[in-house]
Amino acid sequence: MLEVSTAMSLAHTPASTNDRLTRVQQLTLNTWRLAAAKLEREQQSETALEQAAVHALLAILRDVRVPWELFVRHAHAGPDFVLIRSLVQKRTREEDLAHDVLDTAFLLRWNELVADGSGPEELPPLGSTRVPPDCAPRASH
């Protein structure tokens, strides 16, 4: 029996009073976007099974009706990952696309759910943290 440990996207709490993503949710969404971009760059004839796996999982994810629920589902994506593993061949760690397939399917479903503009507000990018001059360590001479 194949055991898969996929502890992903932990600590996702839906924002019930405000419709703004938490920092963890935003980072997860950004990870999904990076995975989709990687999978798109890797598209070639030998990734046909990966593309089929994306669409198979996307079809399954269509039972999720609320964007927030995707984060909870992603945190418990073990069964989804097993499905992907059953469709795509295992490659070396550097070339393996299974996690990217998983994240891409979640991103595609996210995009479908928020396409009408009713999705939660995303957080702005983190800015650089500048230390005020009076708090900066001083060089001793």
N, C-alpha and C. Protein backbone atom coordinates (compact mmCIF):
# COMPACT_ATOMS: atom_id res chain seq x y z
N MET A 1 0.84 -1.19 0.00
CA MET A 1 0.00 0.00 0.00
C MET A 1 0.88 1.24 0.00
N LEU A 2 0.53 2.17 -0.81
CA LEU A 2 1.27 3.41 -0.95
C LEU A 2 0.83 4.39 0.12
N GLU A 3 1.80 4.85 0.90
CA GLU A 3 1.49 5.87 1.91
C GLU A 3 2.07 7.18 1.44
N VAL A 4 1.27 8.18 1.48
CA VAL A 4 1.70 9.50 1.05
C VAL A 4 1.50 10.48 2.19
N SER A 5 2.56 11.15 2.53
CA SER A 5 2.45 12.19 3.55
C SER A 5 2.49 13.53 2.83
N THR A 6 1.37 14.18 2.84
CA THR A 6 1.30 15.49 2.17
C THR A 6 0.68 16.49 3.13
N ALA A 7 1.47 16.98 4.04
CA ALA A 7 1.00 18.02 4.95
C ALA A 7 1.20 19.35 4.26
N MET A 8 0.16 19.82 3.62
CA MET A 8 0.25 21.04 2.83
C MET A 8 -0.69 22.11 3.37
N SER A 9 -0.33 23.33 3.15
CA SER A 9 -1.22 24.46 3.43
C SER A 9 -1.86 24.39 4.81
N LEU A 10 -1.10 24.18 5.82
CA LEU A 10 -1.66 24.05 7.15
C LEU A 10 -2.13 25.38 7.70
N ALA A 11 -2.99 25.32 8.67
CA ALA A 11 -3.48 26.50 9.40
C ALA A 11 -4.27 27.46 8.53
N HIS A 12 -5.20 26.93 7.77
CA HIS A 12 -6.06 27.79 6.96
C HIS A 12 -7.38 27.98 7.66
N THR A 13 -7.63 29.20 8.07
CA THR A 13 -8.91 29.50 8.68
C THR A 13 -9.65 30.47 7.78
N PRO A 14 -10.86 30.11 7.38
CA PRO A 14 -11.60 31.06 6.56
C PRO A 14 -11.83 32.37 7.30
N ALA A 15 -11.67 33.44 6.60
CA ALA A 15 -11.93 34.75 7.20
C ALA A 15 -13.42 35.00 7.10
N SER A 16 -14.12 34.81 8.20
CA SER A 16 -15.58 34.90 8.15
C SER A 16 -16.06 36.34 8.15
N THR A 17 -15.38 37.21 8.88
CA THR A 17 -15.86 38.58 8.97
C THR A 17 -15.28 39.46 7.88
N ASN A 18 -14.07 39.18 7.43
CA ASN A 18 -13.54 39.95 6.32
C ASN A 18 -13.22 39.00 5.19
N ASP A 19 -13.34 39.49 4.00
CA ASP A 19 -13.08 38.66 2.84
C ASP A 19 -11.69 38.91 2.30
N ARG A 20 -10.71 38.77 3.16
CA ARG A 20 -9.33 38.97 2.78
C ARG A 20 -8.54 37.72 3.14
N LEU A 21 -7.66 37.32 2.25
CA LEU A 21 -6.85 36.14 2.52
C LEU A 21 -5.93 36.37 3.71
N THR A 22 -5.64 35.30 4.42
CA THR A 22 -4.61 35.37 5.45
C THR A 22 -3.26 35.30 4.75
N ARG A 23 -2.20 35.59 5.46
CA ARG A 23 -0.86 35.53 4.86
C ARG A 23 -0.56 34.10 4.39
N VAL A 24 -0.93 33.09 5.17
CA VAL A 24 -0.68 31.70 4.78
C VAL A 24 -1.47 31.35 3.52
N GLN A 25 -2.71 31.78 3.45
CA GLN A 25 -3.52 31.52 2.26
C GLN A 25 -2.92 32.20 1.03
N GLN A 26 -2.47 33.44 1.21
CA GLN A 26 -1.86 34.16 0.09
C GLN A 26 -0.60 33.46 -0.38
N LEU A 27 0.22 33.00 0.55
CA LEU A 27 1.44 32.28 0.18
C LEU A 27 1.11 30.98 -0.54
N THR A 28 0.07 30.31 -0.10
CA THR A 28 -0.36 29.08 -0.76
C THR A 28 -0.82 29.38 -2.18
N LEU A 29 -1.61 30.41 -2.35
CA LEU A 29 -2.08 30.81 -3.68
C LEU A 29 -0.90 31.17 -4.58
N ASN A 30 0.07 31.88 -4.04
CA ASN A 30 1.27 32.22 -4.82
C ASN A 30 2.03 30.96 -5.23
N THR A 31 2.09 29.98 -4.34
CA THR A 31 2.74 28.71 -4.65
C THR A 31 2.02 28.00 -5.79
N TRP A 32 0.67 28.03 -5.76
CA TRP A 32 -0.10 27.43 -6.84
C TRP A 32 0.24 28.10 -8.17
N ARG A 33 0.37 29.42 -8.14
CA ARG A 33 0.69 30.15 -9.37
C ARG A 33 2.07 29.80 -9.90
N LEU A 34 3.03 29.68 -9.00
CA LEU A 34 4.39 29.30 -9.42
C LEU A 34 4.40 27.90 -10.01
N ALA A 35 3.64 26.99 -9.42
CA ALA A 35 3.57 25.62 -9.93
C ALA A 35 2.97 25.59 -11.32
N ALA A 36 1.92 26.37 -11.54
CA ALA A 36 1.28 26.42 -12.85
C ALA A 36 2.24 26.98 -13.90
N ALA A 37 3.00 27.99 -13.53
CA ALA A 37 3.98 28.57 -14.46
C ALA A 37 5.06 27.55 -14.78
N LYS A 38 5.51 26.81 -13.78
CA LYS A 38 6.53 25.78 -14.01
C LYS A 38 5.99 24.70 -14.94
N LEU A 39 4.78 24.25 -14.69
CA LEU A 39 4.18 23.20 -15.51
C LEU A 39 4.01 23.68 -16.95
N GLU A 40 3.65 24.94 -17.11
CA GLU A 40 3.51 25.50 -18.47
C GLU A 40 4.85 25.54 -19.18
N ARG A 41 5.91 25.91 -18.47
CA ARG A 41 7.26 25.93 -19.07
C ARG A 41 7.71 24.53 -19.46
N GLU A 42 7.31 23.53 -18.68
CA GLU A 42 7.73 22.16 -18.91
C GLU A 42 6.90 21.44 -19.96
N GLN A 43 5.84 22.09 -20.46
CA GLN A 43 4.96 21.40 -21.40
C GLN A 43 5.71 20.94 -22.63
N GLN A 44 5.60 19.67 -22.86
CA GLN A 44 6.18 19.03 -24.03
C GLN A 44 5.41 17.74 -24.24
N SER A 45 5.74 17.02 -25.25
CA SER A 45 4.97 15.81 -25.54
C SER A 45 5.02 14.80 -24.40
N GLU A 46 6.09 14.79 -23.64
CA GLU A 46 6.19 13.81 -22.56
C GLU A 46 5.48 14.24 -21.28
N THR A 47 4.79 15.37 -21.28
CA THR A 47 4.01 15.76 -20.10
C THR A 47 2.52 15.61 -20.35
N ALA A 48 2.15 14.81 -21.32
CA ALA A 48 0.73 14.62 -21.62
C ALA A 48 -0.01 14.00 -20.43
N LEU A 49 0.63 13.07 -19.74
CA LEU A 49 -0.03 12.46 -18.58
C LEU A 49 -0.18 13.46 -17.44
N GLU A 50 0.78 14.35 -17.29
CA GLU A 50 0.65 15.39 -16.27
C GLU A 50 -0.54 16.29 -16.58
N GLN A 51 -0.69 16.65 -17.85
CA GLN A 51 -1.82 17.49 -18.24
C GLN A 51 -3.15 16.77 -18.02
N ALA A 52 -3.18 15.48 -18.32
CA ALA A 52 -4.39 14.69 -18.08
C ALA A 52 -4.70 14.64 -16.58
N ALA A 53 -3.66 14.51 -15.77
CA ALA A 53 -3.84 14.47 -14.31
C ALA A 53 -4.39 15.79 -13.79
N VAL A 54 -3.90 16.91 -14.34
CA VAL A 54 -4.42 18.23 -13.94
C VAL A 54 -5.92 18.28 -14.19
N HIS A 55 -6.34 17.85 -15.36
CA HIS A 55 -7.77 17.94 -15.71
C HIS A 55 -8.61 16.93 -14.94
N ALA A 56 -8.05 15.78 -14.63
CA ALA A 56 -8.78 14.80 -13.82
C ALA A 56 -9.02 15.36 -12.42
N LEU A 57 -7.98 15.95 -11.83
CA LEU A 57 -8.14 16.52 -10.49
C LEU A 57 -9.04 17.75 -10.53
N LEU A 58 -8.92 18.57 -11.55
CA LEU A 58 -9.79 19.74 -11.68
C LEU A 58 -11.25 19.31 -11.71
N ALA A 59 -11.56 18.26 -12.43
CA ALA A 59 -12.94 17.76 -12.48
C ALA A 59 -13.42 17.35 -11.08
N ILE A 60 -12.54 16.73 -10.32
CA ILE A 60 -12.90 16.33 -8.95
C ILE A 60 -13.08 17.56 -8.06
N LEU A 61 -12.21 18.56 -8.23
CA LEU A 61 -12.26 19.77 -7.40
C LEU A 61 -13.49 20.62 -7.67
N ARG A 62 -14.19 20.34 -8.72
CA ARG A 62 -15.39 21.13 -9.02
C ARG A 62 -16.51 20.89 -8.03
N ASP A 63 -16.34 19.93 -7.11
CA ASP A 63 -17.32 19.78 -6.03
C ASP A 63 -17.10 20.84 -4.95
N VAL A 64 -15.97 21.52 -4.98
CA VAL A 64 -15.69 22.62 -4.05
C VAL A 64 -16.37 23.86 -4.62
N ARG A 65 -17.26 24.45 -3.83
CA ARG A 65 -18.08 25.57 -4.32
C ARG A 65 -17.66 26.94 -3.79
N VAL A 66 -16.82 26.96 -2.76
CA VAL A 66 -16.42 28.21 -2.12
C VAL A 66 -14.89 28.29 -2.14
N PRO A 67 -14.33 29.43 -2.57
CA PRO A 67 -12.87 29.53 -2.66
C PRO A 67 -12.13 29.14 -1.38
N TRP A 68 -12.66 29.54 -0.22
CA TRP A 68 -11.99 29.24 1.05
C TRP A 68 -11.80 27.74 1.25
N GLU A 69 -12.76 26.96 0.77
CA GLU A 69 -12.71 25.51 0.98
C GLU A 69 -11.53 24.86 0.25
N LEU A 70 -11.03 25.52 -0.77
CA LEU A 70 -9.88 24.96 -1.49
C LEU A 70 -8.65 24.85 -0.59
N PHE A 71 -8.48 25.80 0.32
CA PHE A 71 -7.32 25.76 1.20
C PHE A 71 -7.40 24.57 2.16
N VAL A 72 -8.59 24.32 2.67
CA VAL A 72 -8.79 23.16 3.56
C VAL A 72 -8.57 21.88 2.77
N ARG A 73 -9.13 21.82 1.58
CA ARG A 73 -8.97 20.63 0.73
C ARG A 73 -7.50 20.41 0.41
N HIS A 74 -6.77 21.47 0.12
CA HIS A 74 -5.34 21.36 -0.20
C HIS A 74 -4.54 20.86 1.00
N ALA A 75 -4.95 21.25 2.18
CA ALA A 75 -4.25 20.80 3.39
C ALA A 75 -4.42 19.30 3.62
N HIS A 76 -5.43 18.73 3.03
CA HIS A 76 -5.71 17.29 3.18
C HIS A 76 -5.74 16.63 1.81
N ALA A 77 -4.76 16.94 0.99
CA ALA A 77 -4.77 16.52 -0.41
C ALA A 77 -4.15 15.15 -0.65
N GLY A 78 -3.95 14.37 0.38
CA GLY A 78 -3.37 13.04 0.22
C GLY A 78 -4.06 12.19 -0.84
N PRO A 79 -5.39 12.03 -0.77
CA PRO A 79 -6.07 11.23 -1.79
C PRO A 79 -5.92 11.81 -3.21
N ASP A 80 -5.91 13.13 -3.31
CA ASP A 80 -5.73 13.76 -4.62
C ASP A 80 -4.33 13.48 -5.16
N PHE A 81 -3.36 13.49 -4.25
CA PHE A 81 -1.98 13.22 -4.66
C PHE A 81 -1.82 11.77 -5.11
N VAL A 82 -2.51 10.86 -4.45
CA VAL A 82 -2.47 9.45 -4.85
C VAL A 82 -3.03 9.29 -6.26
N LEU A 83 -4.11 10.01 -6.57
CA LEU A 83 -4.66 9.99 -7.93
C LEU A 83 -3.61 10.45 -8.93
N ILE A 84 -2.96 11.56 -8.63
CA ILE A 84 -1.93 12.09 -9.54
C ILE A 84 -0.82 11.08 -9.73
N ARG A 85 -0.35 10.50 -8.64
CA ARG A 85 0.73 9.51 -8.71
C ARG A 85 0.32 8.29 -9.54
N SER A 86 -0.97 7.97 -9.56
CA SER A 86 -1.42 6.83 -10.35
C SER A 86 -1.41 7.14 -11.85
N LEU A 87 -1.37 8.41 -12.20
CA LEU A 87 -1.42 8.81 -13.60
C LEU A 87 -0.07 9.23 -14.18
N VAL A 88 0.79 9.81 -13.36
CA VAL A 88 2.06 10.32 -13.88
C VAL A 88 3.21 9.43 -13.42
N GLN A 89 4.20 9.36 -14.28
CA GLN A 89 5.36 8.54 -13.93
C GLN A 89 6.24 9.28 -12.93
N LYS A 90 6.85 8.52 -12.06
CA LYS A 90 7.76 9.10 -11.09
C LYS A 90 9.07 9.44 -11.80
N ARG A 91 9.57 10.61 -11.56
CA ARG A 91 10.82 11.07 -12.16
C ARG A 91 11.79 11.40 -11.04
N THR A 92 12.97 11.82 -11.42
CA THR A 92 13.92 12.25 -10.41
C THR A 92 13.32 13.43 -9.66
N ARG A 93 13.80 13.66 -8.48
CA ARG A 93 13.24 14.74 -7.64
C ARG A 93 13.22 16.08 -8.37
N GLU A 94 14.28 16.38 -9.09
CA GLU A 94 14.38 17.66 -9.78
C GLU A 94 13.39 17.77 -10.94
N GLU A 95 13.05 16.64 -11.55
CA GLU A 95 12.17 16.65 -12.72
C GLU A 95 10.73 16.29 -12.40
N ASP A 96 10.46 15.86 -11.17
CA ASP A 96 9.12 15.41 -10.82
C ASP A 96 8.15 16.58 -10.83
N LEU A 97 7.00 16.38 -11.44
CA LEU A 97 6.01 17.44 -11.57
C LEU A 97 4.73 17.15 -10.79
N ALA A 98 4.70 16.10 -9.99
CA ALA A 98 3.46 15.69 -9.33
C ALA A 98 2.89 16.80 -8.43
N HIS A 99 3.73 17.44 -7.64
CA HIS A 99 3.22 18.51 -6.77
C HIS A 99 2.77 19.71 -7.60
N ASP A 100 3.45 19.96 -8.71
CA ASP A 100 3.05 21.05 -9.59
C ASP A 100 1.70 20.76 -10.24
N VAL A 101 1.47 19.49 -10.58
CA VAL A 101 0.18 19.08 -11.13
C VAL A 101 -0.91 19.36 -10.10
N LEU A 102 -0.68 18.95 -8.87
CA LEU A 102 -1.65 19.16 -7.79
C LEU A 102 -1.96 20.64 -7.64
N ASP A 103 -0.92 21.45 -7.49
CA ASP A 103 -1.11 22.88 -7.27
C ASP A 103 -1.75 23.57 -8.47
N THR A 104 -1.43 23.14 -9.67
CA THR A 104 -2.02 23.73 -10.87
C THR A 104 -3.52 23.47 -10.92
N ALA A 105 -3.93 22.26 -10.59
CA ALA A 105 -5.37 21.95 -10.57
C ALA A 105 -6.09 22.82 -9.54
N PHE A 106 -5.48 23.01 -8.37
CA PHE A 106 -6.09 23.87 -7.35
C PHE A 106 -6.18 25.31 -7.85
N LEU A 107 -5.14 25.79 -8.53
CA LEU A 107 -5.18 27.15 -9.06
C LEU A 107 -6.27 27.30 -10.12
N LEU A 108 -6.39 26.32 -11.00
CA LEU A 108 -7.43 26.41 -12.04
C LEU A 108 -8.82 26.47 -11.41
N ARG A 109 -9.04 25.66 -10.37
CA ARG A 109 -10.35 25.71 -9.70
C ARG A 109 -10.53 27.04 -8.99
N TRP A 110 -9.49 27.54 -8.35
CA TRP A 110 -9.54 28.86 -7.70
C TRP A 110 -9.96 29.91 -8.73
N ASN A 111 -9.30 29.91 -9.88
CA ASN A 111 -9.61 30.89 -10.92
C ASN A 111 -11.06 30.79 -11.38
N GLU A 112 -11.58 29.58 -11.48
CA GLU A 112 -12.99 29.42 -11.85
C GLU A 112 -13.91 30.02 -10.79
N LEU A 113 -13.58 29.79 -9.53
CA LEU A 113 -14.45 30.25 -8.44
C LEU A 113 -14.44 31.77 -8.27
N VAL A 114 -13.33 32.40 -8.59
CA VAL A 114 -13.24 33.86 -8.37
C VAL A 114 -13.37 34.65 -9.67
N ALA A 115 -13.67 33.99 -10.76
CA ALA A 115 -13.74 34.65 -12.07
C ALA A 115 -14.78 35.77 -12.12
N ASP A 116 -15.83 35.65 -11.32
CA ASP A 116 -16.89 36.67 -11.34
C ASP A 116 -16.56 37.87 -10.44
N GLY A 117 -15.37 37.87 -9.85
CA GLY A 117 -14.95 38.98 -9.01
C GLY A 117 -15.41 38.90 -7.57
N SER A 118 -16.08 37.82 -7.21
CA SER A 118 -16.62 37.71 -5.85
C SER A 118 -15.65 37.06 -4.87
N GLY A 119 -14.46 36.76 -5.31
CA GLY A 119 -13.50 36.09 -4.43
C GLY A 119 -12.93 37.01 -3.38
N PRO A 120 -12.21 36.44 -2.43
CA PRO A 120 -11.61 37.25 -1.37
C PRO A 120 -10.51 38.16 -1.91
N GLU A 121 -10.27 39.22 -1.17
CA GLU A 121 -9.22 40.17 -1.54
C GLU A 121 -7.87 39.54 -1.25
N GLU A 122 -6.96 39.69 -2.19
CA GLU A 122 -5.61 39.19 -1.98
C GLU A 122 -4.78 40.23 -1.24
N LEU A 123 -3.76 39.77 -0.58
CA LEU A 123 -2.88 40.66 0.16
C LEU A 123 -1.86 41.28 -0.79
N PRO A 124 -1.43 42.50 -0.48
CA PRO A 124 -0.37 43.09 -1.31
C PRO A 124 0.94 42.35 -1.05
N PRO A 125 1.88 42.45 -1.98
CA PRO A 125 3.18 41.81 -1.76
C PRO A 125 3.85 42.38 -0.52
N LEU A 126 4.63 41.54 0.14
CA LEU A 126 5.39 42.02 1.29
C LEU A 126 6.44 43.00 0.81
N GLY A 127 6.54 44.12 1.49
CA GLY A 127 7.55 45.10 1.13
C GLY A 127 8.87 44.76 1.80
N SER A 128 9.89 45.44 1.38
CA SER A 128 11.18 45.22 2.04
C SER A 128 11.11 45.85 3.42
N THR A 129 11.75 45.23 4.35
CA THR A 129 11.75 45.77 5.71
C THR A 129 13.01 46.60 5.88
N ARG A 130 12.80 47.85 6.11
CA ARG A 130 13.93 48.76 6.30
C ARG A 130 14.03 49.08 7.78
N VAL A 131 15.21 49.00 8.29
CA VAL A 131 15.46 49.33 9.69
C VAL A 131 15.65 50.83 9.79
N PRO A 132 14.85 51.48 10.66
CA PRO A 132 15.04 52.93 10.83
C PRO A 132 16.47 53.22 11.28
N PRO A 133 17.04 54.36 10.84
CA PRO A 133 18.44 54.68 11.17
C PRO A 133 18.73 54.67 12.67
N ASP A 134 17.76 55.09 13.50
CA ASP A 134 18.03 55.13 14.93
C ASP A 134 18.01 53.73 15.56
N CYS A 135 17.55 52.71 14.83
CA CYS A 135 17.52 51.34 15.35
C CYS A 135 18.62 50.47 14.76
N ALA A 136 19.32 50.98 13.77
CA ALA A 136 20.36 50.19 13.10
C ALA A 136 21.55 50.00 14.04
N PRO A 137 22.18 48.83 13.98
CA PRO A 137 23.37 48.62 14.82
C PRO A 137 24.47 49.58 14.40
N ARG A 138 25.17 50.10 15.38
CA ARG A 138 26.25 51.05 15.10
C ARG A 138 27.58 50.32 15.10
N ALA A 139 28.42 50.73 14.19
CA ALA A 139 29.77 50.15 14.13
C ALA A 139 30.60 50.75 15.25
N SER A 140 31.30 49.91 15.96
CA SER A 140 32.17 50.43 17.03
C SER A 140 33.57 50.59 16.49
N HIS A 141 34.19 51.70 16.85
CA HIS A 141 35.53 52.00 16.35
C HIS A 141 36.53 51.75 17.41
